[in-house]
């Protein structure tokens, strides 16, 4: 499995716009991308403008380049440019041990 994590900071006046857009992105990724196994959105417990995204794919090819070529990603990228501030920190991982709920 292949995992992508993304840390982002949201502009103070755009939090609700961010939440709406990232929720649509997560739902579309799970529903429309066969290799997307999870898409989690976490809010920092100390700072409601800091978020951490966890995306789990069946393999690297299910994410790259497939994910970024979808219409829902294009829409997310457009909104992200408007609602995020600062650097987006992206990391990728290969799972050593990862438990997933069976659906």
PDB file of N, CA and C in Angstrom:
ATOM      1  N   UNK A   1       0.831  -1.187   0.000  1.00  0.00           N
ATOM      2  CA  UNK A   1       0.000   0.000   0.000  1.00  0.00           C
ATOM      3  C   UNK A   1       0.873   1.247   0.000  1.00  0.00           C
ATOM      4  N   UNK A   2       0.285   2.316  -0.465  1.00  0.00           N
ATOM      5  CA  UNK A   2       0.970   3.594  -0.624  1.00  0.00           C
ATOM      6  C   UNK A   2       0.158   4.670   0.101  1.00  0.00           C
ATOM      7  N   UNK A   3       0.810   5.447   0.936  1.00  0.00           N
ATOM      8  CA  UNK A   3       0.124   6.470   1.727  1.00  0.00           C
ATOM      9  C   UNK A   3       0.724   7.840   1.470  1.00  0.00           C
ATOM     10  N   UNK A   4      -0.160   8.820   1.367  1.00  0.00           N
ATOM     11  CA  UNK A   4       0.231  10.218   1.211  1.00  0.00           C
ATOM     12  C   UNK A   4      -0.331  10.978   2.399  1.00  0.00           C
ATOM     13  N   UNK A   5       0.506  11.806   3.029  1.00  0.00           N
ATOM     14  CA  UNK A   5       0.019  12.695   4.075  1.00  0.00           C
ATOM     15  C   UNK A   5       0.278  14.127   3.636  1.00  0.00           C
ATOM     16  N   UNK A   6      -0.644  15.005   4.010  1.00  0.00           N
ATOM     17  CA  UNK A   6      -0.520  16.411   3.640  1.00  0.00           C
ATOM     18  C   UNK A   6      -0.892  17.254   4.851  1.00  0.00           C
ATOM     19  N   UNK A   7      -0.011  18.164   5.236  1.00  0.00           N
ATOM     20  CA  UNK A   7      -0.294  19.127   6.300  1.00  0.00           C
ATOM     21  C   UNK A   7      -0.573  20.473   5.651  1.00  0.00           C
ATOM     22  N   UNK A   8      -1.682  21.098   6.049  1.00  0.00           N
ATOM     23  CA  UNK A   8      -2.052  22.392   5.475  1.00  0.00           C
ATOM     24  C   UNK A   8      -2.538  23.332   6.555  1.00  0.00           C
ATOM     25  N   UNK A   9      -2.456  24.610   6.252  1.00  0.00           N
ATOM     26  CA  UNK A   9      -3.013  25.655   7.115  1.00  0.00           C
ATOM     27  C   UNK A   9      -4.038  26.417   6.296  1.00  0.00           C
ATOM     28  N   UNK A  10      -5.198  26.656   6.905  1.00  0.00           N
ATOM     29  CA  UNK A  10      -6.306  27.312   6.246  1.00  0.00           C
ATOM     30  C   UNK A  10      -6.355  28.785   6.648  1.00  0.00           C
ATOM     31  N   UNK A  11      -6.681  29.642   5.700  1.00  0.00           N
ATOM     32  CA  UNK A  11      -6.865  31.058   6.008  1.00  0.00           C
ATOM     33  C   UNK A  11      -8.012  31.190   7.013  1.00  0.00           C
ATOM     34  N   UNK A  12      -7.878  32.067   8.007  1.00  0.00           N
ATOM     35  CA  UNK A  12      -8.877  32.165   9.077  1.00  0.00           C
ATOM     36  C   UNK A  12     -10.315  32.372   8.595  1.00  0.00           C
ATOM     37  N   UNK A  13     -10.501  33.132   7.553  1.00  0.00           N
ATOM     38  CA  UNK A  13     -11.856  33.427   7.080  1.00  0.00           C
ATOM     39  C   UNK A  13     -12.357  32.420   6.044  1.00  0.00           C
ATOM     40  N   UNK A  14     -11.590  31.345   5.795  1.00  0.00           N
ATOM     41  CA  UNK A  14     -11.952  30.383   4.741  1.00  0.00           C
ATOM     42  C   UNK A  14     -12.109  28.945   5.259  1.00  0.00           C
ATOM     43  N   UNK A  15     -12.187  28.775   6.577  1.00  0.00           N
ATOM     44  CA  UNK A  15     -12.261  27.436   7.169  1.00  0.00           C
ATOM     45  C   UNK A  15     -13.448  26.631   6.636  1.00  0.00           C
ATOM     46  N   UNK A  16     -14.628  27.218   6.615  1.00  0.00           N
ATOM     47  CA  UNK A  16     -15.814  26.488   6.159  1.00  0.00           C
ATOM     48  C   UNK A  16     -15.716  26.137   4.672  1.00  0.00           C
ATOM     49  N   UNK A  17     -15.165  27.045   3.871  1.00  0.00           N
ATOM     50  CA  UNK A  17     -14.951  26.756   2.445  1.00  0.00           C
ATOM     51  C   UNK A  17     -13.992  25.579   2.279  1.00  0.00           C
ATOM     52  N   UNK A  18     -12.933  25.577   3.082  1.00  0.00           N
ATOM     53  CA  UNK A  18     -11.965  24.481   3.046  1.00  0.00           C
ATOM     54  C   UNK A  18     -12.642  23.160   3.390  1.00  0.00           C
ATOM     55  N   UNK A  19     -13.383  23.148   4.505  1.00  0.00           N
ATOM     56  CA  UNK A  19     -14.015  21.905   4.947  1.00  0.00           C
ATOM     57  C   UNK A  19     -14.989  21.358   3.906  1.00  0.00           C
ATOM     58  N   UNK A  20     -15.741  22.222   3.291  1.00  0.00           N
ATOM     59  CA  UNK A  20     -16.671  21.796   2.258  1.00  0.00           C
ATOM     60  C   UNK A  20     -15.922  21.198   1.068  1.00  0.00           C
ATOM     61  N   UNK A  21     -14.889  21.884   0.609  1.00  0.00           N
ATOM     62  CA  UNK A  21     -14.136  21.432  -0.567  1.00  0.00           C
ATOM     63  C   UNK A  21     -13.350  20.154  -0.295  1.00  0.00           C
ATOM     64  N   UNK A  22     -12.696  20.057   0.864  1.00  0.00           N
ATOM     65  CA  UNK A  22     -11.889  18.863   1.132  1.00  0.00           C
ATOM     66  C   UNK A  22     -12.782  17.654   1.392  1.00  0.00           C
ATOM     67  N   UNK A  23     -13.966  17.879   1.944  1.00  0.00           N
ATOM     68  CA  UNK A  23     -14.905  16.774   2.137  1.00  0.00           C
ATOM     69  C   UNK A  23     -15.377  16.242   0.787  1.00  0.00           C
ATOM     70  N   UNK A  24     -15.699  17.139  -0.140  1.00  0.00           N
ATOM     71  CA  UNK A  24     -16.081  16.704  -1.492  1.00  0.00           C
ATOM     72  C   UNK A  24     -14.939  15.932  -2.149  1.00  0.00           C
ATOM     73  N   UNK A  25     -13.719  16.428  -1.976  1.00  0.00           N
ATOM     74  CA  UNK A  25     -12.542  15.776  -2.554  1.00  0.00           C
ATOM     75  C   UNK A  25     -12.366  14.377  -1.974  1.00  0.00           C
ATOM     76  N   UNK A  26     -12.487  14.247  -0.670  1.00  0.00           N
ATOM     77  CA  UNK A  26     -12.322  12.944  -0.022  1.00  0.00           C
ATOM     78  C   UNK A  26     -13.391  11.960  -0.490  1.00  0.00           C
ATOM     79  N   UNK A  27     -14.638  12.408  -0.506  1.00  0.00           N
ATOM     80  CA  UNK A  27     -15.733  11.524  -0.922  1.00  0.00           C
ATOM     81  C   UNK A  27     -15.587  11.097  -2.377  1.00  0.00           C
ATOM     82  N   UNK A  28     -15.243  12.023  -3.254  1.00  0.00           N
ATOM     83  CA  UNK A  28     -15.064  11.681  -4.673  1.00  0.00           C
ATOM     84  C   UNK A  28     -13.888  10.735  -4.871  1.00  0.00           C
ATOM     85  N   UNK A  29     -12.806  10.969  -4.153  1.00  0.00           N
ATOM     86  CA  UNK A  29     -11.642  10.084  -4.271  1.00  0.00           C
ATOM     87  C   UNK A  29     -12.019   8.661  -3.889  1.00  0.00           C
ATOM     88  N   UNK A  30     -12.734   8.508  -2.777  1.00  0.00           N
ATOM     89  CA  UNK A  30     -13.134   7.173  -2.317  1.00  0.00           C
ATOM     90  C   UNK A  30     -14.134   6.520  -3.279  1.00  0.00           C
ATOM     91  N   UNK A  31     -15.067   7.293  -3.786  1.00  0.00           N
ATOM     92  CA  UNK A  31     -16.118   6.735  -4.638  1.00  0.00           C
ATOM     93  C   UNK A  31     -15.670   6.477  -6.074  1.00  0.00           C
ATOM     94  N   UNK A  32     -14.805   7.339  -6.600  1.00  0.00           N
ATOM     95  CA  UNK A  32     -14.492   7.298  -8.027  1.00  0.00           C
ATOM     96  C   UNK A  32     -13.111   6.734  -8.363  1.00  0.00           C
ATOM     97  N   UNK A  33     -12.261   6.592  -7.375  1.00  0.00           N
ATOM     98  CA  UNK A  33     -10.917   6.072  -7.619  1.00  0.00           C
ATOM     99  C   UNK A  33     -10.810   4.674  -7.000  1.00  0.00           C
ATOM    100  N   UNK A  34     -10.825   3.640  -7.828  1.00  0.00           N
ATOM    101  CA  UNK A  34     -10.811   2.269  -7.294  1.00  0.00           C
ATOM    102  C   UNK A  34      -9.638   1.976  -6.363  1.00  0.00           C
ATOM    103  N   UNK A  35      -8.509   2.622  -6.565  1.00  0.00           N
ATOM    104  CA  UNK A  35      -7.336   2.361  -5.733  1.00  0.00           C
ATOM    105  C   UNK A  35      -7.279   3.159  -4.455  1.00  0.00           C
ATOM    106  N   UNK A  36      -8.220   4.070  -4.233  1.00  0.00           N
ATOM    107  CA  UNK A  36      -8.228   4.879  -3.009  1.00  0.00           C
ATOM    108  C   UNK A  36      -8.943   4.100  -1.911  1.00  0.00           C
ATOM    109  N   UNK A  37      -8.193   3.699  -0.895  1.00  0.00           N
ATOM    110  CA  UNK A  37      -8.736   2.881   0.186  1.00  0.00           C
ATOM    111  C   UNK A  37      -9.197   3.706   1.379  1.00  0.00           C
ATOM    112  N   UNK A  38      -8.585   4.865   1.582  1.00  0.00           N
ATOM    113  CA  UNK A  38      -8.948   5.752   2.701  1.00  0.00           C
ATOM    114  C   UNK A  38      -8.610   7.181   2.328  1.00  0.00           C
ATOM    115  N   UNK A  39      -9.372   8.112   2.886  1.00  0.00           N
ATOM    116  CA  UNK A  39      -9.061   9.534   2.748  1.00  0.00           C
ATOM    117  C   UNK A  39      -9.554  10.189   4.033  1.00  0.00           C
ATOM    118  N   UNK A  40      -8.648  10.430   4.946  1.00  0.00           N
ATOM    119  CA  UNK A  40      -8.991  10.958   6.268  1.00  0.00           C
ATOM    120  C   UNK A  40      -8.636  12.443   6.362  1.00  0.00           C
ATOM    121  N   UNK A  41      -9.486  13.185   7.058  1.00  0.00           N
ATOM    122  CA  UNK A  41      -9.277  14.618   7.285  1.00  0.00           C
ATOM    123  C   UNK A  41      -9.211  14.821   8.793  1.00  0.00           C
ATOM    124  N   UNK A  42      -8.069  15.273   9.283  1.00  0.00           N
ATOM    125  CA  UNK A  42      -7.878  15.470  10.716  1.00  0.00           C
ATOM    126  C   UNK A  42      -7.626  16.942  11.010  1.00  0.00           C
ATOM    127  N   UNK A  43      -8.262  17.431  12.060  1.00  0.00           N
ATOM    128  CA  UNK A  43      -8.069  18.817  12.503  1.00  0.00           C
ATOM    129  C   UNK A  43      -7.183  18.807  13.744  1.00  0.00           C
ATOM    130  N   UNK A  44      -6.223  19.698  13.791  1.00  0.00           N
ATOM    131  CA  UNK A  44      -5.339  19.815  14.944  1.00  0.00           C
ATOM    132  C   UNK A  44      -6.174  20.161  16.183  1.00  0.00           C
ATOM    133  N   UNK A  45      -5.984  19.440  17.255  1.00  0.00           N
ATOM    134  CA  UNK A  45      -6.768  19.649  18.480  1.00  0.00           C
ATOM    135  C   UNK A  45      -6.479  21.000  19.132  1.00  0.00           C
ATOM    136  N   UNK A  46      -5.342  21.606  18.817  1.00  0.00           N
ATOM    137  CA  UNK A  46      -4.976  22.893  19.420  1.00  0.00           C
ATOM    138  C   UNK A  46      -5.205  24.078  18.501  1.00  0.00           C
ATOM    139  N   UNK A  47      -5.325  23.808  17.200  1.00  0.00           N
ATOM    140  CA  UNK A  47      -5.439  24.907  16.239  1.00  0.00           C
ATOM    141  C   UNK A  47      -6.433  24.524  15.142  1.00  0.00           C
ATOM    142  N   UNK A  48      -7.633  25.108  15.150  1.00  0.00           N
ATOM    143  CA  UNK A  48      -8.661  24.719  14.181  1.00  0.00           C
ATOM    144  C   UNK A  48      -8.375  25.151  12.743  1.00  0.00           C
ATOM    145  N   UNK A  49      -7.214  25.741  12.506  1.00  0.00           N
ATOM    146  CA  UNK A  49      -6.841  26.127  11.139  1.00  0.00           C
ATOM    147  C   UNK A  49      -5.763  25.207  10.556  1.00  0.00           C
ATOM    148  N   UNK A  50      -5.293  24.267  11.360  1.00  0.00           N
ATOM    149  CA  UNK A  50      -4.288  23.301  10.906  1.00  0.00           C
ATOM    150  C   UNK A  50      -4.956  21.957  10.658  1.00  0.00           C
ATOM    151  N   UNK A  51      -4.689  21.374   9.474  1.00  0.00           N
ATOM    152  CA  UNK A  51      -5.290  20.100   9.110  1.00  0.00           C
ATOM    153  C   UNK A  51      -4.235  19.145   8.593  1.00  0.00           C
ATOM    154  N   UNK A  52      -4.528  17.870   8.752  1.00  0.00           N
ATOM    155  CA  UNK A  52      -3.643  16.789   8.316  1.00  0.00           C
ATOM    156  C   UNK A  52      -4.497  15.804   7.523  1.00  0.00           C
ATOM    157  N   UNK A  53      -4.108  15.529   6.303  1.00  0.00           N
ATOM    158  CA  UNK A  53      -4.830  14.613   5.432  1.00  0.00           C
ATOM    159  C   UNK A  53      -4.046  13.316   5.316  1.00  0.00           C
ATOM    160  N   UNK A  54      -4.749  12.199   5.355  1.00  0.00           N
ATOM    161  CA  UNK A  54      -4.128  10.887   5.186  1.00  0.00           C
ATOM    162  C   UNK A  54      -4.864  10.182   4.060  1.00  0.00           C
ATOM    163  N   UNK A  55      -4.145   9.876   2.992  1.00  0.00           N
ATOM    164  CA  UNK A  55      -4.725   9.202   1.834  1.00  0.00           C
ATOM    165  C   UNK A  55      -4.004   7.876   1.640  1.00  0.00           C
ATOM    166  N   UNK A  56      -4.761   6.796   1.596  1.00  0.00           N
ATOM    167  CA  UNK A  56      -4.169   5.470   1.435  1.00  0.00           C
ATOM    168  C   UNK A  56      -4.640   4.884   0.107  1.00  0.00           C
ATOM    169  N   UNK A  57      -3.686   4.442  -0.682  1.00  0.00           N
ATOM    170  CA  UNK A  57      -3.952   3.864  -2.001  1.00  0.00           C
ATOM    171  C   UNK A  57      -3.420   2.434  -2.054  1.00  0.00           C
ATOM    172  N   UNK A  58      -4.007   1.649  -2.917  1.00  0.00           N
ATOM    173  CA  UNK A  58      -3.618   0.250  -3.043  1.00  0.00           C
ATOM    174  C   UNK A  58      -2.168   0.093  -3.514  1.00  0.00           C
ATOM    175  N   UNK A  59      -1.718   1.048  -4.318  1.00  0.00           N
ATOM    176  CA  UNK A  59      -0.351   1.022  -4.853  1.00  0.00           C
ATOM    177  C   UNK A  59      -0.001   2.424  -5.358  1.00  0.00           C
ATOM    178  N   UNK A  60       1.270   2.721  -5.551  1.00  0.00           N
ATOM    179  CA  UNK A  60       1.653   4.062  -6.024  1.00  0.00           C
ATOM    180  C   UNK A  60       0.963   4.453  -7.333  1.00  0.00           C
ATOM    181  N   UNK A  61       0.790   3.503  -8.250  1.00  0.00           N
ATOM    182  CA  UNK A  61       0.172   3.811  -9.547  1.00  0.00           C
ATOM    183  C   UNK A  61      -1.295   4.217  -9.410  1.00  0.00           C
ATOM    184  N   UNK A  62      -1.943   3.853  -8.318  1.00  0.00           N
ATOM    185  CA  UNK A  62      -3.335   4.261  -8.090  1.00  0.00           C
ATOM    186  C   UNK A  62      -3.413   5.735  -7.697  1.00  0.00           C
ATOM    187  N   UNK A  63      -2.302   6.262  -7.216  1.00  0.00           N
ATOM    188  CA  UNK A  63      -2.244   7.677  -6.832  1.00  0.00           C
ATOM    189  C   UNK A  63      -1.606   8.534  -7.909  1.00  0.00           C
ATOM    190  N   UNK A  64      -0.454   8.107  -8.378  1.00  0.00           N
ATOM    191  CA  UNK A  64       0.343   8.892  -9.306  1.00  0.00           C
ATOM    192  C   UNK A  64       0.355   8.261 -10.673  1.00  0.00           C
ATOM    193  N   UNK A  65      -0.053   8.851 -11.710  1.00  0.00           N
ATOM    194  CA  UNK A  65      -0.607  10.204 -11.819  1.00  0.00           C
ATOM    195  C   UNK A  65      -2.138  10.244 -11.733  1.00  0.00           C
ATOM    196  N   UNK A  66      -2.773   9.099 -11.570  1.00  0.00           N
ATOM    197  CA  UNK A  66      -4.228   8.985 -11.671  1.00  0.00           C
ATOM    198  C   UNK A  66      -4.991  10.007 -10.837  1.00  0.00           C
ATOM    199  N   UNK A  67      -4.689  10.094  -9.554  1.00  0.00           N
ATOM    200  CA  UNK A  67      -5.429  10.962  -8.633  1.00  0.00           C
ATOM    201  C   UNK A  67      -5.425  12.422  -9.090  1.00  0.00           C
ATOM    202  N   UNK A  68      -4.285  12.905  -9.468  1.00  0.00           N
ATOM    203  CA  UNK A  68      -4.166  14.324  -9.836  1.00  0.00           C
ATOM    204  C   UNK A  68      -4.701  14.641 -11.236  1.00  0.00           C
ATOM    205  N   UNK A  69      -5.156  13.645 -11.945  1.00  0.00           N
ATOM    206  CA  UNK A  69      -5.730  13.869 -13.273  1.00  0.00           C
ATOM    207  C   UNK A  69      -7.258  13.832 -13.269  1.00  0.00           C
ATOM    208  N   UNK A  70      -7.856  13.675 -12.105  1.00  0.00           N
ATOM    209  CA  UNK A  70      -9.314  13.579 -12.016  1.00  0.00           C
ATOM    210  C   UNK A  70      -9.956  14.963 -11.979  1.00  0.00           C
ATOM    211  N   UNK A  71     -11.209  15.075 -12.437  1.00  0.00           N
ATOM    212  CA  UNK A  71     -11.916  16.357 -12.351  1.00  0.00           C
ATOM    213  C   UNK A  71     -12.100  16.834 -10.905  1.00  0.00           C
ATOM    214  N   UNK A  72     -12.324  15.907  -9.980  1.00  0.00           N
ATOM    215  CA  UNK A  72     -12.514  16.340  -8.589  1.00  0.00           C
ATOM    216  C   UNK A  72     -11.213  16.887  -7.997  1.00  0.00           C
ATOM    217  N   UNK A  73     -10.068  16.362  -8.433  1.00  0.00           N
ATOM    218  CA  UNK A  73      -8.809  16.941  -7.957  1.00  0.00           C
ATOM    219  C   UNK A  73      -8.600  18.338  -8.545  1.00  0.00           C
ATOM    220  N   UNK A  74      -8.950  18.525  -9.803  1.00  0.00           N
ATOM    221  CA  UNK A  74      -8.818  19.850 -10.431  1.00  0.00           C
ATOM    222  C   UNK A  74      -9.657  20.880  -9.683  1.00  0.00           C
ATOM    223  N   UNK A  75     -10.869  20.497  -9.297  1.00  0.00           N
ATOM    224  CA  UNK A  75     -11.726  21.403  -8.528  1.00  0.00           C
ATOM    225  C   UNK A  75     -11.114  21.689  -7.160  1.00  0.00           C
ATOM    226  N   UNK A  76     -10.612  20.648  -6.492  1.00  0.00           N
ATOM    227  CA  UNK A  76      -9.964  20.829  -5.191  1.00  0.00           C
ATOM    228  C   UNK A  76      -8.755  21.752  -5.318  1.00  0.00           C
ATOM    229  N   UNK A  77      -7.931  21.556  -6.315  1.00  0.00           N
ATOM    230  CA  UNK A  77      -6.729  22.380  -6.498  1.00  0.00           C
ATOM    231  C   UNK A  77      -7.095  23.852  -6.678  1.00  0.00           C
ATOM    232  N   UNK A  78      -8.168  24.113  -7.410  1.00  0.00           N
ATOM    233  CA  UNK A  78      -8.624  25.491  -7.611  1.00  0.00           C
ATOM    234  C   UNK A  78      -9.021  26.122  -6.270  1.00  0.00           C
ATOM    235  N   UNK A  79      -9.812  25.406  -5.487  1.00  0.00           N
ATOM    236  CA  UNK A  79     -10.260  25.926  -4.191  1.00  0.00           C
ATOM    237  C   UNK A  79      -9.081  26.028  -3.222  1.00  0.00           C
ATOM    238  N   UNK A  80      -8.205  25.037  -3.231  1.00  0.00           N
ATOM    239  CA  UNK A  80      -7.057  25.036  -2.320  1.00  0.00           C
ATOM    240  C   UNK A  80      -6.217  26.298  -2.488  1.00  0.00           C
ATOM    241  N   UNK A  81      -6.030  26.727  -3.722  1.00  0.00           N
ATOM    242  CA  UNK A  81      -5.261  27.943  -3.966  1.00  0.00           C
ATOM    243  C   UNK A  81      -5.901  29.168  -3.316  1.00  0.00           C
ATOM    244  N   UNK A  82      -7.216  29.120  -3.132  1.00  0.00           N
ATOM    245  CA  UNK A  82      -7.939  30.247  -2.538  1.00  0.00           C
ATOM    246  C   UNK A  82      -8.006  30.176  -1.009  1.00  0.00           C
ATOM    247  N   UNK A  83      -8.040  28.977  -0.438  1.00  0.00           N
ATOM    248  CA  UNK A  83      -8.328  28.843   0.996  1.00  0.00           C
ATOM    249  C   UNK A  83      -7.124  28.500   1.864  1.00  0.00           C
ATOM    250  N   UNK A  84      -6.053  28.039   1.262  1.00  0.00           N
ATOM    251  CA  UNK A  84      -4.873  27.651   2.047  1.00  0.00           C
ATOM    252  C   UNK A  84      -3.840  28.753   2.087  1.00  0.00           C
ATOM    253  N   UNK A  85      -3.073  28.762   3.173  1.00  0.00           N
ATOM    254  CA  UNK A  85      -1.959  29.704   3.274  1.00  0.00           C
ATOM    255  C   UNK A  85      -0.713  28.946   3.711  1.00  0.00           C
ATOM    256  N   UNK A  86       0.415  29.481   3.337  1.00  0.00           N
ATOM    257  CA  UNK A  86       1.672  28.851   3.725  1.00  0.00           C
ATOM    258  C   UNK A  86       1.975  27.614   2.904  1.00  0.00           C
ATOM    259  N   UNK A  87       2.990  26.913   3.351  1.00  0.00           N
ATOM    260  CA  UNK A  87       3.493  25.733   2.651  1.00  0.00           C
ATOM    261  C   UNK A  87       2.622  24.508   2.909  1.00  0.00           C
ATOM    262  N   UNK A  88       2.401  23.726   1.876  1.00  0.00           N
ATOM    263  CA  UNK A  88       1.749  22.423   2.008  1.00  0.00           C
ATOM    264  C   UNK A  88       2.858  21.398   2.169  1.00  0.00           C
ATOM    265  N   UNK A  89       2.807  20.652   3.231  1.00  0.00           N
ATOM    266  CA  UNK A  89       3.845  19.655   3.485  1.00  0.00           C
ATOM    267  C   UNK A  89       3.301  18.288   3.092  1.00  0.00           C
ATOM    268  N   UNK A  90       3.900  17.703   2.058  1.00  0.00           N
ATOM    269  CA  UNK A  90       3.444  16.426   1.517  1.00  0.00           C
ATOM    270  C   UNK A  90       4.524  15.379   1.762  1.00  0.00           C
ATOM    271  N   UNK A  91       4.108  14.229   2.287  1.00  0.00           N
ATOM    272  CA  UNK A  91       5.008  13.098   2.488  1.00  0.00           C
ATOM    273  C   UNK A  91       4.363  11.854   1.907  1.00  0.00           C
ATOM    274  N   UNK A  92       5.184  10.929   1.445  1.00  0.00           N
ATOM    275  CA  UNK A  92       4.678   9.659   0.930  1.00  0.00           C
ATOM    276  C   UNK A  92       5.337   8.516   1.694  1.00  0.00           C
ATOM    277  N   UNK A  93       4.568   7.430   1.839  1.00  0.00           N
ATOM    278  CA  UNK A  93       5.032   6.283   2.609  1.00  0.00           C
ATOM    279  C   UNK A  93       4.606   4.991   1.939  1.00  0.00           C
ATOM    280  N   UNK A  94       5.399   3.963   2.139  1.00  0.00           N
ATOM    281  CA  UNK A  94       5.013   2.605   1.793  1.00  0.00           C
ATOM    282  C   UNK A  94       4.686   1.910   3.106  1.00  0.00           C
ATOM    283  N   UNK A  95       3.536   1.282   3.185  1.00  0.00           N
ATOM    284  CA  UNK A  95       3.081   0.688   4.441  1.00  0.00           C
ATOM    285  C   UNK A  95       3.946  -0.495   4.837  1.00  0.00           C
ATOM    286  N   UNK A  96       4.355  -0.511   6.096  1.00  0.00           N
ATOM    287  CA  UNK A  96       4.992  -1.654   6.698  1.00  0.00           C
ATOM    288  C   UNK A  96       3.913  -2.474   7.388  1.00  0.00           C
ATOM    289  N   UNK A  97       3.057  -1.794   8.132  1.00  0.00           N
ATOM    290  CA  UNK A  97       1.897  -2.420   8.770  1.00  0.00           C
ATOM    291  C   UNK A  97       0.796  -1.363   8.798  1.00  0.00           C
ATOM    292  N   UNK A  98      -0.349  -1.691   8.240  1.00  0.00           N
ATOM    293  CA  UNK A  98      -1.458  -0.750   8.180  1.00  0.00           C
ATOM    294  C   UNK A  98      -2.762  -1.520   8.300  1.00  0.00           C
ATOM    295  N   UNK A  99      -3.576  -1.171   9.279  1.00  0.00           N
ATOM    296  CA  UNK A  99      -4.872  -1.829   9.449  1.00  0.00           C
ATOM    297  C   UNK A  99      -5.936  -0.993   8.773  1.00  0.00           C
ATOM    298  N   UNK A 100      -6.732  -1.638   7.954  1.00  0.00           N
ATOM    299  CA  UNK A 100      -7.845  -0.974   7.290  1.00  0.00           C
ATOM    300  C   UNK A 100      -9.138  -1.685   7.653  1.00  0.00           C
ATOM    301  N   UNK A 101     -10.188  -0.916   7.841  1.00  0.00           N
ATOM    302  CA  UNK A 101     -11.501  -1.515   8.062  1.00  0.00           C
ATOM    303  C   UNK A 101     -11.898  -2.260   6.812  1.00  0.00           C
ATOM    304  N   UNK A 102     -12.485  -3.393   6.975  1.00  0.00           N
ATOM    305  CA  UNK A 102     -12.972  -4.134   5.814  1.00  0.00           C
ATOM    306  C   UNK A 102     -14.394  -3.666   5.514  1.00  0.00           C
ATOM    307  N   UNK A 103     -14.622  -3.270   4.283  1.00  0.00           N
ATOM    308  CA  UNK A 103     -15.955  -2.788   3.895  1.00  0.00           C
ATOM    309  C   UNK A 103     -16.647  -3.776   3.011  1.00  0.00           C
TER     310      UNK A 103
END
